[in-house]
PDB file of N, CA and C in Angstrom:
ATOM      1  N   MET A   1       7.401   3.865   1.464  1.00  0.00           N
ATOM      2  CA  MET A   1       6.510   2.883   1.582  1.00  0.00           C
ATOM      3  C   MET A   1       6.219   2.377   3.088  1.00  0.00           C
ATOM      4  N   SER A   2       4.537   2.137   2.646  1.00  0.00           N
ATOM      5  CA  SER A   2       4.192   1.697   4.107  1.00  0.00           C
ATOM      6  C   SER A   2       3.200   0.651   3.894  1.00  0.00           C
ATOM      7  N   ASP A   3       3.458  -0.285   5.320  1.00  0.00           N
ATOM      8  CA  ASP A   3       2.418  -1.095   5.298  1.00  0.00           C
ATOM      9  C   ASP A   3       2.675  -2.602   4.543  1.00  0.00           C
ATOM     10  N   PRO A   4       3.755  -3.087   4.064  1.00  0.00           N
ATOM     11  CA  PRO A   4       4.207  -4.423   2.861  1.00  0.00           C
ATOM     12  C   PRO A   4       3.182  -5.292   3.773  1.00  0.00           C
ATOM     13  N   HIS A   5       3.332  -5.558   5.110  1.00  0.00           N
ATOM     14  CA  HIS A   5       2.370  -7.046   5.496  1.00  0.00           C
ATOM     15  C   HIS A   5       2.833  -8.066   4.756  1.00  0.00           C
ATOM     16  N   TRP A   6       4.335  -8.312   4.737  1.00  0.00           N
ATOM     17  CA  TRP A   6       5.030  -9.776   4.076  1.00  0.00           C
ATOM     18  C   TRP A   6       4.805 -10.797   5.268  1.00  0.00           C
ATOM     19  N   THR A   7       4.411 -11.784   4.069  1.00  0.00           N
ATOM     20  CA  THR A   7       4.082 -12.881   4.606  1.00  0.00           C
ATOM     21  C   THR A   7       4.961 -14.153   4.409  1.00  0.00           C
ATOM     22  N   ASP A   8       4.954 -15.221   4.927  1.00  0.00           N
ATOM     23  CA  ASP A   8       5.794 -16.340   4.021  1.00  0.00           C
ATOM     24  C   ASP A   8       4.742 -16.984   3.466  1.00  0.00           C
ATOM     25  N   ASN A   9       3.109 -16.898   3.380  1.00  0.00           N
ATOM     26  CA  ASN A   9       1.842 -17.520   2.987  1.00  0.00           C
ATOM     27  C   ASN A   9       2.536 -17.481   1.058  1.00  0.00           C
ATOM     28  N   PRO A  10       2.541 -18.264   0.263  1.00  0.00           N
ATOM     29  CA  PRO A  10       2.831 -18.305  -1.405  1.00  0.00           C
ATOM     30  C   PRO A  10       1.565 -17.467  -2.091  1.00  0.00           C
ATOM     31  N   ARG A  11       0.195 -17.282  -1.503  1.00  0.00           N
ATOM     32  CA  ARG A  11      -0.204 -16.161  -2.212  1.00  0.00           C
ATOM     33  C   ARG A  11      -0.167 -14.928  -2.438  1.00  0.00           C
ATOM     34  N   ASP A  12       1.222 -14.803  -1.156  1.00  0.00           N
ATOM     35  CA  ASP A  12       1.494 -13.234  -0.635  1.00  0.00           C
ATOM     36  C   ASP A  12       2.984 -12.883  -1.332  1.00  0.00           C
ATOM     37  N   ALA A  13       3.345 -13.859  -2.222  1.00  0.00           N
ATOM     38  CA  ALA A  13       4.521 -14.078  -2.616  1.00  0.00           C
ATOM     39  C   ALA A  13       5.047 -12.668  -3.617  1.00  0.00           C
ATOM     40  N   HIS A  14       4.060 -12.501  -4.097  1.00  0.00           N
ATOM     41  CA  HIS A  14       3.894 -11.109  -5.168  1.00  0.00           C
ATOM     42  C   HIS A  14       4.452  -9.756  -4.226  1.00  0.00           C
ATOM     43  N   ARG A  15       4.279  -9.724  -3.009  1.00  0.00           N
ATOM     44  CA  ARG A  15       4.261  -8.352  -2.413  1.00  0.00           C
ATOM     45  C   ARG A  15       5.953  -8.189  -2.151  1.00  0.00           C
ATOM     46  N   PHE A  16       7.165  -9.564  -2.275  1.00  0.00           N
ATOM     47  CA  PHE A  16       8.472  -8.902  -2.759  1.00  0.00           C
ATOM     48  C   PHE A  16       8.680  -8.208  -4.096  1.00  0.00           C
ATOM     49  N   GLY A  17       8.022  -8.524  -4.588  1.00  0.00           N
ATOM     50  CA  GLY A  17       8.414  -7.850  -5.950  1.00  0.00           C
ATOM     51  C   GLY A  17       8.746  -6.046  -6.097  1.00  0.00           C
ATOM     52  N   ILE A  18       8.310  -5.455  -4.652  1.00  0.00           N
ATOM     53  CA  ILE A  18       8.280  -4.380  -4.110  1.00  0.00           C
ATOM     54  C   ILE A  18       9.794  -3.853  -4.104  1.00  0.00           C
ATOM     55  N   PHE A  19      10.616  -4.548  -3.788  1.00  0.00           N
ATOM     56  CA  PHE A  19      12.204  -4.190  -3.656  1.00  0.00           C
ATOM     57  C   PHE A  19      12.586  -3.945  -5.031  1.00  0.00           C
ATOM     58  N   LYS A  20      12.402  -4.855  -6.061  1.00  0.00           N
ATOM     59  CA  LYS A  20      12.899  -4.029  -7.192  1.00  0.00           C
ATOM     60  C   LYS A  20      12.471  -3.005  -7.906  1.00  0.00           C
ATOM     61  N   GLY A  21      11.228  -2.844  -7.300  1.00  0.00           N
ATOM     62  CA  GLY A  21      10.653  -1.744  -7.531  1.00  0.00           C
ATOM     63  C   GLY A  21      11.197  -0.164  -7.076  1.00  0.00           C
ATOM     64  N   MET A  22      11.177  -0.220  -5.918  1.00  0.00           N
ATOM     65  CA  MET A  22      11.967   0.320  -4.943  1.00  0.00           C
ATOM     66  C   MET A  22      13.115   0.969  -5.188  1.00  0.00           C
ATOM     67  N   ALA A  23      13.936  -0.263  -5.664  1.00  0.00           N
ATOM     68  CA  ALA A  23      15.765   0.136  -6.183  1.00  0.00           C
ATOM     69  C   ALA A  23      15.492   0.975  -7.141  1.00  0.00           C
ATOM     70  N   GLU A  24      14.538   0.601  -8.118  1.00  0.00           N
ATOM     71  CA  GLU A  24      14.508   1.159  -9.216  1.00  0.00           C
ATOM     72  C   GLU A  24      14.254   2.986  -9.065  1.00  0.00           C
ATOM     73  N   LYS A  25      13.187   3.330  -8.166  1.00  0.00           N
ATOM     74  CA  LYS A  25      13.071   4.401  -7.823  1.00  0.00           C
ATOM     75  C   LYS A  25      13.929   5.357  -7.122  1.00  0.00           C
ATOM     76  N   GLN A  26      14.852   4.185  -6.263  1.00  0.00           N
ATOM     77  CA  GLN A  26      15.937   4.989  -5.677  1.00  0.00           C
ATOM     78  C   GLN A  26      16.754   5.102  -6.173  1.00  0.00           C
ATOM     79  N   ARG A  27      17.001   4.753  -7.758  1.00  0.00           N
ATOM     80  CA  ARG A  27      18.103   5.216  -8.789  1.00  0.00           C
ATOM     81  C   ARG A  27      17.814   6.458  -9.495  1.00  0.00           C
ATOM     82  N   ARG A  28      16.568   6.287  -9.631  1.00  0.00           N
ATOM     83  CA  ARG A  28      16.024   7.352 -11.188  1.00  0.00           C
ATOM     84  C   ARG A  28      15.581   8.726 -10.075  1.00  0.00           C
ATOM     85  N   HIS A  29      15.603   8.672  -9.053  1.00  0.00           N
ATOM     86  CA  HIS A  29      14.826   9.749  -8.578  1.00  0.00           C
ATOM     87  C   HIS A  29      16.158  10.340  -7.538  1.00  0.00           C
ATOM     88  N   GLU A  30      17.432   9.693  -7.487  1.00  0.00           N
ATOM     89  CA  GLU A  30      18.213   9.702  -6.953  1.00  0.00           C
ATOM     90  C   GLU A  30      18.387  10.097  -5.074  1.00  0.00           C
ATOM     91  N   ALA A  31      17.734   9.140  -4.528  1.00  0.00           N
ATOM     92  CA  ALA A  31      17.245   9.204  -3.143  1.00  0.00           C
ATOM     93  C   ALA A  31      17.891   9.071  -2.262  1.00  0.00           C
ATOM     94  N   THR A  32      18.053   9.795  -1.569  1.00  0.00           N
ATOM     95  CA  THR A  32      19.220  10.057   0.048  1.00  0.00           C
ATOM     96  C   THR A  32      18.812   9.402   1.079  1.00  0.00           C
ATOM     97  N   ALA A  33      17.332   9.488   0.892  1.00  0.00           N
ATOM     98  CA  ALA A  33      17.159   8.134   2.331  1.00  0.00           C
ATOM     99  C   ALA A  33      15.774   7.482   1.923  1.00  0.00           C
ATOM    100  N   THR A  34      15.537   6.616   2.167  1.00  0.00           N
ATOM    101  CA  THR A  34      14.381   5.694   1.829  1.00  0.00           C
ATOM    102  C   THR A  34      13.504   5.680   3.327  1.00  0.00           C
ATOM    103  N   PHE A  35      12.002   5.423   3.261  1.00  0.00           N
ATOM    104  CA  PHE A  35      11.287   4.959   4.571  1.00  0.00           C
ATOM    105  C   PHE A  35      10.722   3.992   4.058  1.00  0.00           C
ATOM    106  N   ILE A  36      10.340   3.186   5.193  1.00  0.00           N
ATOM    107  CA  ILE A  36       9.309   1.937   5.127  1.00  0.00           C
ATOM    108  C   ILE A  36       8.638   2.739   6.519  1.00  0.00           C
ATOM    109  N   LEU A  37       7.300   2.949   6.313  1.00  0.00           N
ATOM    110  CA  LEU A  37       6.457   3.341   7.246  1.00  0.00           C
ATOM    111  C   LEU A  37       5.565   2.541   8.257  1.00  0.00           C
ATOM    112  N   GLY A  38       6.024   1.445   8.769  1.00  0.00           N
ATOM    113  CA  GLY A  38       5.523   0.367   9.482  1.00  0.00           C
ATOM    114  C   GLY A  38       4.863  -0.656   9.039  1.00  0.00           C
ATOM    115  N   ASP A  39       4.531  -1.721   9.672  1.00  0.00           N
ATOM    116  CA  ASP A  39       3.821  -3.235   9.770  1.00  0.00           C
ATOM    117  C   ASP A  39       4.545  -3.636   8.252  1.00  0.00           C
ATOM    118  N   ILE A  40       5.902  -4.192   8.696  1.00  0.00           N
ATOM    119  CA  ILE A  40       6.760  -5.282   8.089  1.00  0.00           C
ATOM    120  C   ILE A  40       5.947  -6.282   7.487  1.00  0.00           C
ATOM    121  N   THR A  41       5.346  -6.862   8.626  1.00  0.00           N
ATOM    122  CA  THR A  41       4.960  -8.432   8.540  1.00  0.00           C
ATOM    123  C   THR A  41       3.305  -7.964   9.025  1.00  0.00           C
ATOM    124  N   GLU A  42       2.967  -9.180   8.649  1.00  0.00           N
ATOM    125  CA  GLU A  42       1.596  -9.271   9.333  1.00  0.00           C
ATOM    126  C   GLU A  42       1.071  -9.809  10.450  1.00  0.00           C
ATOM    127  N   LYS A  43       2.153 -10.857  10.928  1.00  0.00           N
ATOM    128  CA  LYS A  43       2.124 -11.373  12.458  1.00  0.00           C
ATOM    129  C   LYS A  43       2.900 -10.012  12.943  1.00  0.00           C
ATOM    130  N   LYS A  44       2.971 -10.625  14.320  1.00  0.00           N
ATOM    131  CA  LYS A  44       3.653  -9.613  15.186  1.00  0.00           C
ATOM    132  C   LYS A  44       5.058  -9.926  15.617  1.00  0.00           C
ATOM    133  N   ASP A  45       5.231 -11.763  15.731  1.00  0.00           N
ATOM    134  CA  ASP A  45       6.542 -12.236  15.917  1.00  0.00           C
ATOM    135  C   ASP A  45       5.847 -13.699  15.730  1.00  0.00           C
ATOM    136  N   HIS A  46       7.028 -14.275  16.118  1.00  0.00           N
ATOM    137  CA  HIS A  46       7.413 -15.667  15.976  1.00  0.00           C
ATOM    138  C   HIS A  46       7.608 -15.997  14.128  1.00  0.00           C
ATOM    139  N   HIS A  47       8.104 -15.036  13.379  1.00  0.00           N
ATOM    140  CA  HIS A  47       8.426 -15.251  11.898  1.00  0.00           C
ATOM    141  C   HIS A  47       8.921 -16.379  11.516  1.00  0.00           C
ATOM    142  N   SER A  48       8.655 -17.065  10.424  1.00  0.00           N
ATOM    143  CA  SER A  48       9.576 -18.494  10.110  1.00  0.00           C
ATOM    144  C   SER A  48      10.253 -17.807   9.205  1.00  0.00           C
ATOM    145  N   SER A  49      11.788 -18.682   9.547  1.00  0.00           N
ATOM    146  CA  SER A  49      13.248 -18.424   9.052  1.00  0.00           C
ATOM    147  C   SER A  49      13.042 -17.846   7.749  1.00  0.00           C
ATOM    148  N   ALA A  50      12.439 -18.302   6.827  1.00  0.00           N
ATOM    149  CA  ALA A  50      12.534 -17.968   5.436  1.00  0.00           C
ATOM    150  C   ALA A  50      11.715 -17.137   5.310  1.00  0.00           C
ATOM    151  N   LEU A  51      10.888 -16.596   5.658  1.00  0.00           N
ATOM    152  CA  LEU A  51      10.327 -15.278   5.929  1.00  0.00           C
ATOM    153  C   LEU A  51      11.506 -13.932   6.309  1.00  0.00           C
ATOM    154  N   VAL A  52      11.912 -14.020   7.674  1.00  0.00           N
ATOM    155  CA  VAL A  52      13.084 -13.281   8.060  1.00  0.00           C
ATOM    156  C   VAL A  52      14.098 -12.846   6.795  1.00  0.00           C
ATOM    157  N   ASN A  53      14.687 -14.024   6.373  1.00  0.00           N
ATOM    158  CA  ASN A  53      15.855 -14.192   5.214  1.00  0.00           C
ATOM    159  C   ASN A  53      15.189 -13.276   4.312  1.00  0.00           C
ATOM    160  N   GLN A  54      14.086 -13.541   3.513  1.00  0.00           N
ATOM    161  CA  GLN A  54      13.511 -13.161   2.349  1.00  0.00           C
ATOM    162  C   GLN A  54      13.373 -11.369   2.632  1.00  0.00           C
ATOM    163  N   ILE A  55      13.261 -11.144   3.485  1.00  0.00           N
ATOM    164  CA  ILE A  55      13.027  -9.952   3.761  1.00  0.00           C
ATOM    165  C   ILE A  55      14.312  -8.818   3.842  1.00  0.00           C
ATOM    166  N   ILE A  56      14.993  -9.365   4.619  1.00  0.00           N
ATOM    167  CA  ILE A  56      16.604  -8.749   5.128  1.00  0.00           C
ATOM    168  C   ILE A  56      17.532  -9.138   3.522  1.00  0.00           C
ATOM    169  N   GLU A  57      16.960 -10.165   2.821  1.00  0.00           N
ATOM    170  CA  GLU A  57      17.441  -9.868   1.256  1.00  0.00           C
ATOM    171  C   GLU A  57      17.069  -9.060   0.342  1.00  0.00           C
ATOM    172  N   GLY A  58      15.700  -9.387   0.344  1.00  0.00           N
ATOM    173  CA  GLY A  58      15.388  -7.301  -0.023  1.00  0.00           C
ATOM    174  C   GLY A  58      15.519  -6.384   0.393  1.00  0.00           C
ATOM    175  N   LEU A  59      15.517  -6.440   1.625  1.00  0.00           N
ATOM    176  CA  LEU A  59      16.285  -5.166   2.497  1.00  0.00           C
ATOM    177  C   LEU A  59      17.892  -4.291   2.383  1.00  0.00           C
ATOM    178  N   VAL A  60      18.609  -5.168   1.719  1.00  0.00           N
ATOM    179  CA  VAL A  60      19.920  -4.852   1.328  1.00  0.00           C
ATOM    180  C   VAL A  60      20.250  -4.970   0.087  1.00  0.00           C
ATOM    181  N   THR A  61      19.406  -4.944  -0.695  1.00  0.00           N
ATOM    182  CA  THR A  61      19.168  -4.713  -2.280  1.00  0.00           C
ATOM    183  C   THR A  61      19.330  -3.060  -2.132  1.00  0.00           C
ATOM    184  N   LEU A  62      18.368  -2.270  -1.198  1.00  0.00           N
ATOM    185  CA  LEU A  62      17.731  -0.898  -1.296  1.00  0.00           C
ATOM    186  C   LEU A  62      19.341   0.051  -1.170  1.00  0.00           C
ATOM    187  N   LYS A  63      18.977   1.340  -1.685  1.00  0.00           N
ATOM    188  CA  LYS A  63      20.326   1.890  -1.335  1.00  0.00           C
ATOM    189  C   LYS A  63      20.035   2.466  -0.068  1.00  0.00           C
ATOM    190  N   PRO A  64      21.065   2.876   0.914  1.00  0.00           N
ATOM    191  CA  PRO A  64      21.247   3.111   2.140  1.00  0.00           C
ATOM    192  C   PRO A  64      21.267   4.734   2.447  1.00  0.00           C
ATOM    193  N   PRO A  65      20.801   5.198   3.436  1.00  0.00           N
ATOM    194  CA  PRO A  65      20.054   4.948   4.348  1.00  0.00           C
ATOM    195  C   PRO A  65      18.595   4.360   4.446  1.00  0.00           C
ATOM    196  N   LEU A  66      18.058   3.307   4.908  1.00  0.00           N
ATOM    197  CA  LEU A  66      16.838   2.667   4.916  1.00  0.00           C
ATOM    198  C   LEU A  66      16.520   2.862   6.093  1.00  0.00           C
ATOM    199  N   TYR A  67      15.377   3.536   6.572  1.00  0.00           N
ATOM    200  CA  TYR A  67      14.487   3.618   8.007  1.00  0.00           C
ATOM    201  C   TYR A  67      13.196   3.174   8.361  1.00  0.00           C
ATOM    202  N   ILE A  68      13.089   2.375   8.970  1.00  0.00           N
ATOM    203  CA  ILE A  68      11.907   1.507   9.076  1.00  0.00           C
ATOM    204  C   ILE A  68      11.592   1.936  10.207  1.00  0.00           C
ATOM    205  N   LEU A  69       9.736   2.688  10.463  1.00  0.00           N
ATOM    206  CA  LEU A  69       9.477   3.012  11.408  1.00  0.00           C
ATOM    207  C   LEU A  69       8.325   1.548  11.950  1.00  0.00           C
ATOM    208  N   MET A  70       8.486   1.447  13.470  1.00  0.00           N
ATOM    209  CA  MET A  70       7.766  -0.032  14.234  1.00  0.00           C
ATOM    210  C   MET A  70       5.989   0.848  13.614  1.00  0.00           C
ATOM    211  N   GLY A  71       5.797  -0.490  13.376  1.00  0.00           N
ATOM    212  CA  GLY A  71       3.938  -0.286  13.266  1.00  0.00           C
ATOM    213  C   GLY A  71       3.778  -1.061  14.164  1.00  0.00           C
ATOM    214  N   ASN A  72       2.214  -1.031  14.308  1.00  0.00           N
ATOM    215  CA  ASN A  72       1.462  -2.029  15.151  1.00  0.00           C
ATOM    216  C   ASN A  72       1.366  -3.395  15.168  1.00  0.00           C
ATOM    217  N   HIS A  73       1.668  -3.695  13.641  1.00  0.00           N
ATOM    218  CA  HIS A  73       2.277  -5.294  13.465  1.00  0.00           C
ATOM    219  C   HIS A  73       3.556  -5.545  13.914  1.00  0.00           C
ATOM    220  N   ASP A  74       3.917  -4.877  14.332  1.00  0.00           N
ATOM    221  CA  ASP A  74       5.734  -5.524  14.262  1.00  0.00           C
ATOM    222  C   ASP A  74       6.121  -5.324  15.509  1.00  0.00           C
ATOM    223  N   CYS A  75       5.206  -5.710  16.521  1.00  0.00           N
ATOM    224  CA  CYS A  75       5.824  -6.298  17.975  1.00  0.00           C
ATOM    225  C   CYS A  75       4.505  -6.908  18.509  1.00  0.00           C
ATOM    226  N   LEU A  76       5.365  -7.520  19.733  1.00  0.00           N
ATOM    227  CA  LEU A  76       4.125  -7.795  20.975  1.00  0.00           C
ATOM    228  C   LEU A  76       4.674  -7.248  22.209  1.00  0.00           C
ATOM    229  N   ASP A  77       5.803  -7.146  22.304  1.00  0.00           N
ATOM    230  CA  ASP A  77       6.394  -6.395  23.308  1.00  0.00           C
ATOM    231  C   ASP A  77       7.033  -4.812  23.143  1.00  0.00           C
ATOM    232  N   HIS A  78       6.699  -3.291  23.097  1.00  0.00           N
ATOM    233  CA  HIS A  78       7.316  -2.780  22.597  1.00  0.00           C
ATOM    234  C   HIS A  78       8.750  -2.371  22.808  1.00  0.00           C
ATOM    235  N   SER A  79       9.092  -2.814  24.151  1.00  0.00           N
ATOM    236  CA  SER A  79      10.802  -2.807  24.414  1.00  0.00           C
ATOM    237  C   SER A  79      11.439  -3.660  23.958  1.00  0.00           C
ATOM    238  N   SER A  80      10.976  -4.813  23.072  1.00  0.00           N
ATOM    239  CA  SER A  80      11.562  -5.986  22.666  1.00  0.00           C
ATOM    240  C   SER A  80      11.375  -5.991  21.199  1.00  0.00           C
ATOM    241  N   PRO A  81      10.918  -5.161  20.420  1.00  0.00           N
ATOM    242  CA  PRO A  81      10.302  -5.761  19.150  1.00  0.00           C
ATOM    243  C   PRO A  81      11.329  -6.589  17.900  1.00  0.00           C
ATOM    244  N   PHE A  82      10.381  -7.389  17.279  1.00  0.00           N
ATOM    245  CA  PHE A  82      11.184  -8.682  16.715  1.00  0.00           C
ATOM    246  C   PHE A  82      12.316  -8.327  15.988  1.00  0.00           C
ATOM    247  N   PHE A  83      12.039  -6.609  14.972  1.00  0.00           N
ATOM    248  CA  PHE A  83      13.002  -6.294  13.950  1.00  0.00           C
ATOM    249  C   PHE A  83      13.611  -5.444  14.563  1.00  0.00           C
ATOM    250  N   ALA A  84      14.298  -5.227  16.136  1.00  0.00           N
ATOM    251  CA  ALA A  84      15.258  -4.022  16.532  1.00  0.00           C
ATOM    252  C   ALA A  84      16.617  -4.908  15.957  1.00  0.00           C
ATOM    253  N   PHE A  85      16.729  -6.106  15.727  1.00  0.00           N
ATOM    254  CA  PHE A  85      17.825  -6.384  15.294  1.00  0.00           C
ATOM    255  C   PHE A  85      18.208  -5.960  13.634  1.00  0.00           C
ATOM    256  N   LEU A  86      17.430  -5.334  12.853  1.00  0.00           N
ATOM    257  CA  LEU A  86      17.551  -4.804  11.744  1.00  0.00           C
ATOM    258  C   LEU A  86      18.885  -3.472  12.382  1.00  0.00           C
ATOM    259  N   ASN A  87      18.584  -3.402  13.009  1.00  0.00           N
ATOM    260  CA  ASN A  87      19.888  -1.707  13.628  1.00  0.00           C
ATOM    261  C   ASN A  87      21.279  -2.345  13.516  1.00  0.00           C
ATOM    262  N   ASN A  88      21.457  -3.826  13.233  1.00  0.00           N
ATOM    263  CA  ASN A  88      23.077  -4.294  13.111  1.00  0.00           C
ATOM    264  C   ASN A  88      23.562  -4.212  11.989  1.00  0.00           C
ATOM    265  N   ILE A  89      22.291  -3.947  11.072  1.00  0.00           N
ATOM    266  CA  ILE A  89      22.413  -3.657   9.303  1.00  0.00           C
ATOM    267  C   ILE A  89      23.393  -2.487   9.012  1.00  0.00           C
ATOM    268  N   LYS A  90      24.314  -2.400   8.779  1.00  0.00           N
ATOM    269  CA  LYS A  90      25.086  -1.103   8.228  1.00  0.00           C
ATOM    270  C   LYS A  90      23.869  -0.399   6.894  1.00  0.00           C
ATOM    271  N   GLY A  91      23.450   0.630   7.829  1.00  0.00           N
ATOM    272  CA  GLY A  91      22.209   1.428   6.925  1.00  0.00           C
ATOM    273  C   GLY A  91      20.867   1.146   6.748  1.00  0.00           C
ATOM    274  N   ILE A  92      20.748   0.011   7.903  1.00  0.00           N
ATOM    275  CA  ILE A  92      19.454  -0.199   8.350  1.00  0.00           C
ATOM    276  C   ILE A  92      19.391   0.968   9.583  1.00  0.00           C
ATOM    277  N   VAL A  93      17.560   1.740  10.044  1.00  0.00           N
ATOM    278  CA  VAL A  93      17.842   2.080  10.730  1.00  0.00           C
ATOM    279  C   VAL A  93      16.175   1.508  11.426  1.00  0.00           C
ATOM    280  N   PHE A  94      15.898   0.989  12.382  1.00  0.00           N
ATOM    281  CA  PHE A  94      14.824   0.495  12.685  1.00  0.00           C
ATOM    282  C   PHE A  94      14.133   1.125  13.908  1.00  0.00           C
ATOM    283  N   ILE A  95      13.252   1.728  14.141  1.00  0.00           N
ATOM    284  CA  ILE A  95      12.878   2.860  14.912  1.00  0.00           C
ATOM    285  C   ILE A  95      11.506   2.382  15.429  1.00  0.00           C
ATOM    286  N   ASN A  96      11.554   2.386  17.105  1.00  0.00           N
ATOM    287  CA  ASN A  96      10.675   1.412  17.864  1.00  0.00           C
ATOM    288  C   ASN A  96      10.826   2.738  19.017  1.00  0.00           C
ATOM    289  N   THR A  97      11.198   4.010  18.885  1.00  0.00           N
ATOM    290  CA  THR A  97      10.878   4.946  19.696  1.00  0.00           C
ATOM    291  C   THR A  97      10.617   6.461  18.988  1.00  0.00           C
ATOM    292  N   TYR A  98      10.073   7.168  19.626  1.00  0.00           N
ATOM    293  CA  TYR A  98      10.258   8.624  19.139  1.00  0.00           C
ATOM    294  C   TYR A  98      11.776   8.876  18.559  1.00  0.00           C
ATOM    295  N   SER A  99      12.014   9.358  17.618  1.00  0.00           N
ATOM    296  CA  SER A  99      13.417   9.932  17.030  1.00  0.00           C
ATOM    297  C   SER A  99      13.200  10.993  16.396  1.00  0.00           C
ATOM    298  N   MET A 100      14.374  11.865  15.974  1.00  0.00           N
ATOM    299  CA  MET A 100      14.320  12.844  15.056  1.00  0.00           C
ATOM    300  C   MET A 100      15.721  13.009  14.725  1.00  0.00           C
ATOM    301  N   VAL A 101      15.857  12.700  12.973  1.00  0.00           N
ATOM    302  CA  VAL A 101      17.002  12.631  12.282  1.00  0.00           C
ATOM    303  C   VAL A 101      17.144  13.464  11.632  1.00  0.00           C
ATOM    304  N   LEU A 102      18.164  14.064  11.386  1.00  0.00           N
ATOM    305  CA  LEU A 102      18.662  15.052  10.287  1.00  0.00           C
ATOM    306  C   LEU A 102      19.231  14.566   9.008  1.00  0.00           C
ATOM    307  N   LEU A 103      18.447  14.777   8.183  1.00  0.00           N
ATOM    308  CA  LEU A 103      18.780  14.548   6.394  1.00  0.00           C
ATOM    309  C   LEU A 103      19.800  15.631   5.567  1.00  0.00           C
ATOM    310  N   ASN A 104      19.777  15.447   4.805  1.00  0.00           N
ATOM    311  CA  ASN A 104      20.235  16.048   3.215  1.00  0.00           C
ATOM    312  C   ASN A 104      21.324  17.101   4.215  1.00  0.00           C
ATOM    313  N   GLY A 105      22.418  16.571   4.553  1.00  0.00           N
ATOM    314  CA  GLY A 105      23.630  17.168   5.180  1.00  0.00           C
ATOM    315  C   GLY A 105      23.359  18.312   6.353  1.00  0.00           C
ATOM    316  N   GLN A 106      22.281  17.738   7.123  1.00  0.00           N
ATOM    317  CA  GLN A 106      21.400  18.478   7.948  1.00  0.00           C
ATOM    318  C   GLN A 106      21.092  19.024   7.886  1.00  0.00           C
ATOM    319  N   SER A 107      20.617  19.316   6.531  1.00  0.00           N
ATOM    320  CA  SER A 107      19.640  20.682   6.642  1.00  0.00           C
ATOM    321  C   SER A 107      18.039  20.282   6.677  1.00  0.00           C
ATOM    322  N   THR A 108      17.637  18.870   7.046  1.00  0.00           N
ATOM    323  CA  THR A 108      16.418  18.470   6.671  1.00  0.00           C
ATOM    324  C   THR A 108      16.030  17.781   8.045  1.00  0.00           C
ATOM    325  N   ARG A 109      14.712  18.205   8.768  1.00  0.00           N
ATOM    326  CA  ARG A 109      14.846  17.186   9.781  1.00  0.00           C
ATOM    327  C   ARG A 109      13.380  16.243   9.687  1.00  0.00           C
ATOM    328  N   VAL A 110      13.467  15.221   9.981  1.00  0.00           N
ATOM    329  CA  VAL A 110      12.557  14.391  10.036  1.00  0.00           C
ATOM    330  C   VAL A 110      12.526  13.735  11.290  1.00  0.00           C
ATOM    331  N   ASP A 111      11.109  13.764  11.469  1.00  0.00           N
ATOM    332  CA  ASP A 111      10.596  13.027  13.123  1.00  0.00           C
ATOM    333  C   ASP A 111       9.679  12.169  13.424  1.00  0.00           C
ATOM    334  N   PHE A 112       9.987  10.933  13.813  1.00  0.00           N
ATOM    335  CA  PHE A 112       9.599   9.625  13.649  1.00  0.00           C
ATOM    336  C   PHE A 112       8.504   9.251  15.122  1.00  0.00           C
ATOM    337  N   ILE A 113       7.631   8.576  14.715  1.00  0.00           N
ATOM    338  CA  ILE A 113       6.872   8.481  16.008  1.00  0.00           C
ATOM    339  C   ILE A 113       6.107   7.021  15.724  1.00  0.00           C
ATOM    340  N   PRO A 114       6.978   6.158  16.304  1.00  0.00           N
ATOM    341  CA  PRO A 114       6.346   4.878  16.025  1.00  0.00           C
ATOM    342  C   PRO A 114       4.979   4.237  16.654  1.00  0.00           C
ATOM    343  N   HIS A 115       4.697   3.113  16.257  1.00  0.00           N
ATOM    344  CA  HIS A 115       2.958   2.724  16.723  1.00  0.00           C
ATOM    345  C   HIS A 115       3.574   2.869  18.252  1.00  0.00           C
ATOM    346  N   CYS A 116       2.847   3.018  19.199  1.00  0.00           N
ATOM    347  CA  CYS A 116       2.754   3.000  20.394  1.00  0.00           C
ATOM    348  C   CYS A 116       1.620   3.129  21.315  1.00  0.00           C
ATOM    349  N   ARG A 117       1.328   2.327  22.571  1.00  0.00           N
ATOM    350  CA  ARG A 117       0.059   2.700  23.059  1.00  0.00           C
ATOM    351  C   ARG A 117      -0.469   3.484  23.922  1.00  0.00           C
ATOM    352  N   THR A 118       0.267   4.854  24.017  1.00  0.00           N
ATOM    353  CA  THR A 118      -0.454   5.829  24.391  1.00  0.00           C
ATOM    354  C   THR A 118       0.642   6.688  23.477  1.00  0.00           C
ATOM    355  N   GLN A 119      -0.093   7.872  22.513  1.00  0.00           N
ATOM    356  CA  GLN A 119       0.286   8.534  21.715  1.00  0.00           C
ATOM    357  C   GLN A 119       0.759   9.751  22.690  1.00  0.00           C
TER     358      GLN A 119
END
């Protein structure tokens, strides 16, 4: 999944329905990992507690591991992105620097390249 651009604007509330659909697809396809590829929110920083809580409540309904790649809407300061705290939630990995992850019992390599000013 990519670019949900979650906001706390009531007109965008329908976007949170994706969690139910993602959880169903994880079960149906016996997912071994799930990826959100950037732009968790519309604004880069200064999110309301209501928005952050709604995002976390949705994320923890998903089967781990969950990898979230930092997009260009996910930070003001690359060295201290807003959602870096997600790394403290078991089963969630927020990636803000180049990372290589081995999946499926070490047989599948996935390279993650988050948004950065110099590619």
